Each structure stands twice: as C-alpha cells, then as structure tokens.
Protein backbone atom coordinates (compact mmCIF):
# COMPACT_ATOMS: atom_id res chain seq x y z
CA MET A 1 70.41 155.04 101.77
CA ASN A 2 69.63 157.35 98.85
CA ARG A 3 72.52 158.45 96.66
CA SER A 4 72.42 161.60 94.56
CA ASN A 5 74.52 160.12 91.75
CA HIS A 6 72.72 157.52 89.66
CA CYS A 7 72.16 156.48 86.08
CA GLY A 8 68.72 155.75 84.72
CA TRP A 9 68.47 152.85 82.27
CA GLY A 10 65.20 151.06 81.89
CA GLY A 11 64.00 152.34 85.28
CA ALA A 12 67.01 150.97 87.20
CA HIS A 13 68.88 153.19 89.65
CA LEU A 14 72.49 152.11 90.19
CA PRO A 15 75.12 153.82 92.36
CA LEU A 16 78.09 155.21 90.47
CA PRO A 17 81.00 155.76 92.84
CA SER A 18 83.51 156.34 90.03
CA LEU A 19 83.90 156.82 86.29
CA ALA A 20 85.20 153.24 85.95
CA THR A 21 82.07 151.86 87.63
CA ARG A 22 79.88 154.04 85.43
CA THR A 23 81.66 152.75 82.31
CA PHE A 24 81.26 149.13 83.45
CA GLN A 25 77.57 149.58 84.19
CA ALA A 26 76.93 151.28 80.86
CA THR A 27 78.73 148.49 79.03
CA SER A 28 76.83 145.78 80.94
CA LYS A 29 73.50 147.41 80.24
CA TRP A 30 74.39 147.75 76.57
CA LEU A 31 75.25 144.04 76.31
CA TRP A 32 72.01 143.18 78.10
CA PHE A 33 70.14 145.41 75.70
CA THR A 34 71.62 143.79 72.59
CA ASP A 35 71.04 140.25 73.99
CA HIS A 36 67.35 141.03 74.43
CA PHE A 37 67.06 142.94 71.18
CA ALA A 38 65.04 140.11 69.62
CA ALA A 39 62.29 140.71 72.15
CA SER A 40 61.85 144.40 71.41
CA ASP A 41 58.87 145.78 69.52
CA THR A 42 61.19 147.43 67.04
CA TYR A 43 62.77 144.12 66.05
CA ASP A 44 59.32 142.52 65.72
CA ARG A 45 58.28 145.22 63.30
CA ALA A 46 61.48 144.76 61.27
CA ARG A 47 61.01 140.97 61.20
CA VAL A 48 57.37 141.17 60.17
CA GLY A 49 58.18 143.72 57.48
CA SER A 50 60.97 141.52 56.14
CA GLU A 51 58.71 138.46 56.00
CA ALA A 52 55.98 140.41 54.24
CA GLU A 53 58.08 142.31 51.74
CA GLY A 54 61.24 140.17 51.53
CA MET A 55 64.75 141.12 52.57
CA PRO A 56 65.72 144.39 50.83
CA PRO A 57 68.80 144.26 48.62
CA LEU A 58 72.08 145.34 50.16
CA ASN A 59 73.28 148.81 49.30
CA PRO A 60 76.51 148.46 47.23
CA LEU A 61 77.72 151.92 48.26
CA GLN A 62 77.37 151.12 51.95
CA LEU A 63 79.15 147.81 51.51
CA ALA A 64 81.96 149.55 49.62
CA ILE A 65 82.35 152.12 52.40
CA THR A 66 82.36 149.28 54.94
CA ALA A 67 85.19 147.56 53.07
CA ILE A 68 87.16 150.81 52.80
CA LEU A 69 86.83 151.48 56.53
CA THR A 70 87.94 147.95 57.36
CA VAL A 71 90.96 148.07 55.07
CA ALA A 72 91.91 151.51 56.40
CA GLY A 73 91.71 150.20 59.95
CA ILE A 74 93.97 147.25 59.13
CA ALA A 75 96.48 149.46 57.30
CA LEU A 76 96.56 151.95 60.16
CA GLN A 77 97.09 149.17 62.68
CA ILE A 78 100.02 147.76 60.70
CA TRP A 79 101.51 151.23 60.30
CA SER A 80 101.20 152.03 64.00
CA SER A 81 102.91 148.77 64.95
CA ALA A 82 106.23 149.76 63.34
CA PRO A 83 109.24 149.70 65.70
CA SER A 84 109.88 153.41 65.07
CA ARG A 85 106.54 154.18 66.77
CA ALA A 86 107.16 151.98 69.78
CA GLU A 87 106.42 154.75 72.25
CA ARG A 88 103.09 155.60 70.57
CA GLN A 89 101.85 152.42 68.94
CA TYR A 90 99.31 151.60 71.65
CA ALA A 91 97.75 155.04 71.50
CA LEU A 92 97.69 154.91 67.70
CA GLN A 93 95.50 151.81 67.84
CA LEU A 94 92.50 153.94 68.83
CA PRO A 95 91.76 155.23 65.30
CA SER A 96 91.91 151.63 64.06
CA VAL A 97 89.31 150.53 66.60
CA LEU A 98 87.15 153.51 65.67
CA LEU A 99 87.30 152.53 61.98
CA TYR A 100 86.42 148.94 62.85
CA SER A 101 83.43 150.06 64.93
CA LEU A 102 82.13 152.35 62.20
CA ALA A 103 82.52 149.58 59.64
CA ALA A 104 80.69 147.09 61.85
CA ALA A 105 77.88 149.55 62.54
CA LEU A 106 77.49 150.42 58.86
CA PHE A 107 77.44 146.76 57.86
CA LEU A 108 74.87 145.86 60.56
CA PHE A 109 72.46 148.59 59.58
CA SER A 110 72.98 147.84 55.89
CA VAL A 111 71.85 144.25 56.40
CA PHE A 112 69.06 145.24 58.82
CA PRO A 113 68.02 148.71 57.66
CA ASP A 114 64.82 148.77 59.75
CA SER A 115 66.51 147.91 63.03
CA LEU A 116 66.82 150.49 65.78
CA THR A 117 68.76 150.69 69.01
CA ASP A 118 68.28 153.29 71.66
CA GLY A 119 69.26 153.81 75.23
CA ARG A 120 71.12 156.15 77.54
CA ALA A 121 74.68 155.89 78.79
CA LEU A 122 76.62 158.43 80.83
CA GLY A 123 73.87 160.97 80.37
CA PHE A 124 73.84 160.79 76.54
CA GLY A 125 71.10 159.48 74.32
CA LEU A 126 72.26 156.79 71.89
CA SER A 127 70.30 155.42 68.96
CA GLY A 128 70.77 153.71 65.64
CA ALA A 129 74.18 153.16 64.10
CA ALA A 130 75.61 155.99 66.18
CA GLY A 131 74.72 154.11 69.34
CA PHE A 132 76.35 150.94 68.08
CA ALA A 133 79.54 152.80 67.13
CA ALA A 134 79.56 154.75 70.39
CA PHE A 135 79.65 151.50 72.32
CA PHE A 136 82.89 150.50 70.60
CA MET A 137 84.31 153.99 71.09
CA LEU A 138 83.55 153.78 74.81
CA ILE A 139 85.46 150.54 75.09
CA SER A 140 88.33 152.00 73.03
CA PHE A 141 88.77 155.02 75.28
CA THR A 142 88.77 152.79 78.35
CA TRP A 143 91.42 150.57 76.77
CA LEU A 144 93.52 153.57 75.72
CA ALA A 145 93.71 154.85 79.30
CA LYS A 146 95.26 151.54 80.37
CA THR A 147 97.88 151.55 77.62
CA ARG A 148 99.24 155.02 78.34
CA ARG A 149 101.70 153.60 80.82
CA ARG A 150 102.99 151.17 78.17
CA ASP A 151 103.69 154.06 75.84
CA GLU A 152 105.66 155.82 78.56
CA VAL A 153 107.73 152.71 79.28
CA ASN A 154 108.50 152.18 75.59
CA ALA A 155 109.56 155.82 75.22
CA GLN A 156 111.90 155.48 78.20
CA LEU A 157 113.40 152.27 76.79
CA LYS A 158 114.02 153.95 73.44
CA LYS A 159 115.72 156.92 75.10
CA ALA A 160 117.88 154.62 77.22
CA TRP A 161 118.94 152.60 74.17
CA ARG A 162 120.02 155.72 72.31
CA GLU A 163 121.96 157.04 75.29
CA ASN A 164 123.66 153.66 75.75
CA SER A 165 124.66 153.51 72.08
CA SER A 166 125.99 157.05 72.23
CA LEU A 167 128.10 156.30 75.29
CA ARG A 168 129.58 153.19 73.68
CA ARG A 169 130.67 155.16 70.63
CA GLN A 170 132.05 157.98 72.76
CA LEU A 171 134.27 155.45 74.51
CA VAL A 172 135.70 154.52 71.14
CA GLY A 173 136.14 158.16 70.14
CA GLU A 174 137.80 159.12 73.44
CA ARG A 175 140.71 156.68 73.16
CA SER A 176 144.01 157.71 74.61
CA THR A 177 146.07 160.12 72.55
CA GLY A 178 148.90 157.59 72.36
CA GLU A 179 146.74 155.16 70.38
CA ALA A 180 146.28 156.10 66.75
CA PRO A 181 142.87 155.71 65.02
CA ARG A 182 142.58 152.46 63.11
CA PRO A 183 141.66 152.56 59.41
CA LEU A 184 138.60 150.46 58.63
CA ALA A 185 139.20 147.75 56.06
CA GLN A 186 135.55 146.82 55.58
CA SER A 187 133.04 149.07 53.87
CA THR A 188 129.76 149.10 55.82
CA ARG A 189 126.78 151.43 55.67
CA TYR A 190 124.48 152.85 58.29
CA ASP A 191 121.73 155.35 57.49
CA LEU A 192 118.63 156.92 59.00
CA PRO A 193 115.58 158.54 57.39
CA LEU A 194 114.81 162.19 57.83
CA ARG A 195 111.88 162.30 60.24
CA GLY A 196 108.62 162.94 58.41
CA SER A 197 110.18 162.35 54.98
CA ARG A 198 110.31 159.23 52.84
CA ARG A 199 112.62 160.77 50.25
CA HIS A 200 115.78 161.61 52.16
CA ARG A 201 118.17 159.52 54.23
CA ILE A 202 121.49 160.43 55.84
CA GLY A 203 124.12 157.94 56.93
CA VAL A 204 127.76 156.94 57.13
CA VAL A 205 129.84 154.63 54.94
CA THR A 206 133.07 153.28 56.36
CA GLY A 207 136.48 152.39 55.00
CA ASN A 208 138.49 153.51 52.00
CA LEU A 209 136.62 155.51 49.39
CA ALA A 210 138.02 153.17 46.74
CA ASN A 211 135.83 150.40 48.20
CA VAL A 212 132.57 152.36 47.89
CA LEU A 213 130.41 151.16 45.01
CA GLY A 214 127.12 152.33 43.54
CA VAL A 215 127.09 155.95 44.77
CA ASP A 216 126.35 158.47 42.02
CA VAL A 217 128.42 161.42 43.25
CA TRP A 218 131.82 161.44 44.94
CA VAL A 219 132.93 164.64 46.65
CA ASN A 220 136.60 165.59 46.45
CA PRO A 221 137.75 167.92 49.29
CA GLU A 222 140.18 170.05 47.31
CA ASN A 223 142.28 173.13 48.03
CA THR A 224 141.35 176.57 46.77
CA ARG A 225 143.87 176.18 43.92
CA MET A 226 142.08 173.03 42.77
CA GLU A 227 145.38 171.14 42.58
CA MET A 228 144.75 167.41 43.04
CA SER A 229 147.06 165.34 45.26
CA ARG A 230 149.73 163.11 43.79
CA VAL A 231 148.45 159.58 43.27
CA ASP A 232 150.78 158.11 45.91
CA GLU A 233 149.50 160.35 48.72
CA PRO A 234 147.01 158.97 51.31
CA THR A 235 144.19 161.40 50.47
CA VAL A 236 140.73 161.27 48.96
CA SER A 237 141.94 163.52 46.14
CA ALA A 238 144.72 161.06 45.27
CA ALA A 239 142.34 158.08 45.32
CA ILE A 240 139.91 159.83 42.97
CA ARG A 241 142.71 160.91 40.66
CA TYR A 242 144.26 157.44 40.46
CA HIS A 243 141.11 155.32 40.14
CA GLY A 244 139.51 157.81 37.77
CA GLY A 245 142.48 157.80 35.39
CA ARG A 246 143.39 155.27 32.75
CA ARG A 247 146.12 152.84 33.81
CA ASP A 248 148.35 150.40 32.00
CA ASP A 249 148.71 146.70 32.73
CA ALA A 250 151.25 147.44 35.45
CA GLY A 251 148.83 149.80 37.22
CA HIS A 252 150.67 152.98 36.26
CA LEU A 253 148.59 156.06 35.47
CA VAL A 254 148.88 156.81 31.76
CA ASP A 255 145.94 159.15 31.23
CA ASP A 256 145.19 161.64 34.04
CA ILE A 257 141.55 162.07 33.03
CA ILE A 258 139.99 163.78 36.06
CA ALA A 259 142.93 166.06 36.90
CA GLY A 260 143.12 167.15 33.28
CA GLU A 261 139.43 167.98 33.14
CA LEU A 262 139.69 169.91 36.41
CA VAL A 263 142.45 172.07 34.89
CA GLU A 264 140.13 172.84 31.99
CA ARG A 265 137.36 173.83 34.43
CA MET A 266 139.74 176.30 36.08
CA ALA A 267 140.12 178.06 32.72
CA GLY A 268 143.41 179.67 33.62
CA ARG A 269 142.41 180.82 37.11
CA GLN A 270 144.96 180.38 39.89
CA HIS A 271 142.46 179.81 42.67
CA VAL A 272 138.75 179.82 43.55
CA SER A 273 136.89 181.10 46.59
CA ALA A 274 136.38 178.90 49.62
CA GLY A 275 133.36 176.65 49.26
CA GLN A 276 133.16 176.86 45.46
CA VAL A 277 132.32 173.66 43.61
CA LEU A 278 133.65 172.54 40.22
CA VAL A 279 132.19 169.48 38.50
CA THR A 280 134.03 166.95 36.37
CA GLY A 281 133.21 163.58 34.92
CA PRO A 282 134.10 160.35 36.74
CA GLY A 283 136.68 159.09 34.25
CA GLU A 284 137.23 155.36 34.70
CA LEU A 285 135.20 155.42 37.94
CA MET A 286 132.03 155.15 35.88
CA ASP A 287 132.80 151.58 34.87
CA SER A 288 134.66 150.46 37.99
CA HIS A 289 132.54 152.08 40.75
CA GLN A 290 129.32 153.27 39.01
CA VAL A 291 130.19 156.92 39.77
CA ARG A 292 128.53 159.55 37.55
CA LYS A 293 130.01 162.86 38.72
CA ILE A 294 132.89 164.20 40.82
CA MET A 295 132.24 167.35 42.87
CA HIS A 296 135.47 169.18 43.67
CA VAL A 297 134.85 171.56 46.58
CA ALA A 298 137.36 174.13 47.85
CA ALA A 299 137.42 172.93 51.46
CA VAL A 300 141.01 173.73 52.50
CA GLU A 301 143.30 176.72 52.09
CA GLY A 302 147.07 176.52 51.87
CA GLU A 303 149.66 178.78 53.44
CA PRO A 304 153.40 178.69 52.69
CA GLY A 305 155.23 176.86 55.46
CA SER A 306 152.02 175.97 57.30
CA GLY A 307 150.33 173.50 55.01
CA TYR A 308 146.60 173.36 54.55
CA ARG A 309 143.87 174.31 56.97
CA GLN A 310 140.12 173.84 56.89
CA VAL A 311 138.04 176.71 55.49
CA MET A 312 135.93 178.61 57.98
CA ASP A 313 132.47 177.99 56.49
CA LEU A 314 132.05 174.23 56.10
CA ALA A 315 128.27 174.55 56.00
CA ARG A 316 128.58 176.62 52.83
CA CYS A 317 130.66 173.86 51.25
CA ALA A 318 127.96 171.29 52.02
CA ARG A 319 125.13 173.50 50.76
CA ASN A 320 126.97 174.26 47.52
CA ILE A 321 127.60 170.57 46.89
CA LEU A 322 123.98 169.57 47.42
CA SER A 323 122.69 172.51 45.41
CA GLU A 324 124.96 171.63 42.48
CA VAL A 325 123.84 167.99 42.56
CA ASP A 326 120.20 169.06 42.44
CA ARG A 327 120.93 171.49 39.62
CA LEU A 328 122.43 168.73 37.51
CA ALA A 329 119.62 166.34 38.43
CA GLU A 330 117.09 168.84 37.14
CA THR A 331 118.81 168.73 33.74
CA GLY A 332 118.26 165.00 33.50
CA GLU A 333 121.31 163.59 35.25
CA PRO A 334 120.27 160.54 37.35
CA LEU A 335 121.98 161.68 40.55
CA ARG A 336 120.37 160.26 43.68
CA SER A 337 123.22 159.50 46.11
CA VAL A 338 126.29 161.36 47.41
CA VAL A 339 129.32 160.33 49.47
CA LEU A 340 130.77 163.27 51.40
CA PRO A 341 134.20 162.94 53.10
CA LEU A 342 134.83 164.81 56.36
CA LEU A 343 136.05 167.95 54.64
CA GLY A 344 139.45 169.24 55.65
CA THR A 345 140.19 166.66 58.36
CA GLY A 346 142.87 164.69 56.50
CA GLY A 347 145.74 166.90 57.66
CA GLY A 348 144.83 166.74 61.34
CA ASN A 349 144.53 170.55 61.60
CA SER A 350 140.82 170.59 62.33
CA ASP A 351 138.24 169.66 64.95
CA LEU A 352 136.80 166.32 63.90
CA GLN A 353 133.70 166.52 66.12
CA HIS A 354 132.92 170.05 64.93
CA THR A 355 133.33 168.95 61.31
CA VAL A 356 130.90 166.04 61.69
CA ASP A 357 128.30 168.15 63.48
CA THR A 358 128.57 170.99 60.97
CA LEU A 359 128.26 168.81 57.87
CA LEU A 360 125.37 166.85 59.36
CA ALA A 361 123.48 169.97 60.45
CA ALA A 362 123.98 171.60 57.04
CA THR A 363 122.69 168.49 55.26
CA VAL A 364 119.61 168.20 57.47
CA SER A 365 118.84 171.90 57.01
CA TYR A 366 119.20 171.62 53.24
CA PHE A 367 116.79 168.68 53.01
CA GLU A 368 114.28 170.44 55.25
CA ALA A 369 114.49 173.59 53.11
CA HIS A 370 114.30 171.58 49.85
CA PRO A 371 111.83 168.73 50.45
CA ALA A 372 111.65 168.07 46.68
CA SER A 373 115.42 167.54 46.41
CA CYS A 374 116.36 164.72 44.04
CA ILE A 375 119.04 163.49 46.45
CA ARG A 376 117.74 160.41 48.23
CA MET A 377 120.86 159.37 50.16
CA LEU A 378 123.88 161.19 51.55
CA TYR A 379 126.74 159.32 53.23
CA LEU A 380 129.46 160.81 55.37
CA LEU A 381 132.71 158.95 54.72
CA ALA A 382 134.38 157.53 57.86
CA TYR A 383 137.86 156.21 57.13
CA THR A 384 138.83 155.29 60.72
CA ASP A 385 137.09 153.73 63.71
CA VAL A 386 137.13 157.08 65.54
CA GLN A 387 135.47 158.82 62.60
CA GLU A 388 132.82 156.10 62.42
CA ALA A 389 132.09 156.40 66.16
CA LEU A 390 131.69 160.16 65.94
CA CYS A 391 129.51 159.98 62.82
CA ARG A 392 127.17 157.35 64.23
CA THR A 393 126.88 159.15 67.55
CA ALA A 394 126.03 162.40 65.76
CA LEU A 395 123.46 160.65 63.55
CA ASP A 396 121.70 159.00 66.49
CA ALA A 397 121.68 162.26 68.43
CA ARG A 398 119.98 164.31 65.72
CA PRO A 399 116.27 164.77 66.62
CA GLU A 400 115.46 165.33 62.93
CA LEU A 401 116.47 161.73 62.13
CA SER A 402 114.44 158.67 63.04
CA THR A 403 116.41 155.82 64.61
CA GLY A 404 113.62 153.26 64.09
CA VAL A 405 114.05 151.92 67.65
C-alpha cells in the first residue's frame, strides 16, 4: 500500500506515522551515515589530500572557542542544577547540550577541515558542521519533551513544601489566647535572597537584641519625643540604652552615652514627626556587639492616660531607616547589615501580623527601587516564638524572595 507521507534519504521510502517515528528514523539514518562516512568519496578526497600535503595545523582560535563553549556548557549545567531551580533544572539543561554540540562540531571540523557531511532529515537539508550540531539539537529537543513532566512534578513539590511550612508556623502563631508567647532564649538567623538579586537578603533573627552580634545598624523604635526607656524596662530602647552606656564593675550605668547623644540630636525640640530618624553612635556597643550606628525612629506616639500607640505609616518608618543607612554608607561608613525590631508592637496595642507584612513589603519595595543599595542584609527581630512564626511565614510567602527549595 502506498503512503503519502514519507521521508527520502538515500532513495529509501519509510512510512512516518508520527513525529516520534520520524525523529527515530532520522536519528537512525544519521548514525548509519556517520558509520559509513569512511566509505564516502568526500572522505577519500580528504584522506588523500592529507596524505599528500600533511595534516594542516589546528586553528588556535577555533580551539579556544571550543574550550569556551565547553566550559560555558559545564557552568550552565552546574548553575541549572541548583535546588532553587528544581522546577526548571531539566529544561535548563537544553542550552548546555546545545553548547556541547556546537563545541563538538567545531572541534571535529577543526581537526578535519576538509570533511563534509550532508543529508536530509525532516525535510531540511543538513551539511557540514551545522548538520553535526543539528543532530545533537534534535536529540536535545526530544529529551526535553520527556522531562517536562519532571519539571511540573518538582514545581508541585516545591509549592506543597512551602504551604506545609506555612501551615506549621500558623499553628504556632494561632495559639490559644490564654497561653502567652514564649520569649526565645537562643539567637538564630534565617534569611532569603531577593529573587533576581545577589546583593540583598531579608531574614529574621530571634531572641533578645542583646544577644545579636555582628550587625552594623541597630534600629531603636522610639516615641515621637525621642525619650529612651529606663534601663530596667523590658524594651528594645532600654536594652540599647543600657548596653550602649558605660557601666561600673557592679553593672550600674555610670555614663548614659547613647541617651545623652540623642538629647543633643534633638537640639531643644520637644518632639519630631512620625517616621523621622535620628542617628547616634553605638556607645559601648561598638566593642561588645560590633554595632556601628543606632537609628532612632519615631515609631510610636504617646497620649496622656492611654500610653503609646503605633504610628499610622510604618512603611515610611522603614523607608526612612533604609534611606538613612544608604546615605551614611555613601559617605564611607561601612554599613551593610540592619536589624529592625517589629516597630510599635512592644506595648501590645498593634496588629502583629499587619506590622510584619508592612515592614517586609516596604523593605522589598525599597530594595527593588534601589538595586544599588549598600545594604546587603536586613533582619526583622523576633523576640517570641509567635513573632518568629509570623516572620518566617511572611518571608516564605513573599514571591519576591527565593526560598531555595
């Protein structure tokens, strides 16, 4: 029975019921062609010419390009195999295979410059190095079609892992109201890179601020009067004031360094606007905790008889802090990392989830708007287990951050 669909190769007529069959037949014919290459007239002419004139010297430029293509293929394959690209790593292998095929073709026709290959596959004419490279590309596309399902499965597994982690942390954050949050004694760190950026990372550091070492800038959530807490109060302001001051052998504060400098920065003013940032030195924190600057931000407002409440525009507070750090860094200050407490949540008169989401969104937006920012790392400070759970859940849920899973 005659069939209308056929492929001509060396006079043979083969039925092609499907694209897969056509690909298999083209590949088989190509292998047959290369196995019998020694018997072709073209190869005989190349062999006779080589015997008569001697093997021509290899082209250094072609060999250099071959080496570059090979190294690029290896580097791309290593890069695409990273866990953060689990849902795409199989598809990303295709450019590597293409580079390998081009390198192999270039090397073959550098060693045998007079050799020729020609034939027809899938209706296209193939000859020379292009034909040799096209063979590898054909195999690569066939292989890629089979790995698409693996990419989909990996993407689903990554999504399920993130949802599972988020649910576990929500269970911690949604404890009964009768059970108080537990302060975290151990200082641990968890951070994620900003997707598409190697400069910026955002994370969370747990425990008491006094246990955080090696962060250049500490942020002090202060009131609009810039009056620091008494040293015996359980606040971030009190911890900064106490550890930044000079103490005697009994541990009593004898020189209130940071609070005194903050008074000088106020220059007689009674209050500042919400979100404003004043900068002081670290006092004794430079030697004890490697802190370089203290950023005092007006994050709470006080009312007689009502205590303090969180300012309305938390995002403005975060932007002003980051902008001030970058301004100082441009003057030569080596400021690369910041620890940012959950502004205004110490008194319990604020929405903790809203605070975390707002500060995180403002930080991400700032880094995206300022890709050349000198700040490499920003930590949210989580003092309790509930704060840690909310911070980590918010970090993992941000699409702008890469979880690396």
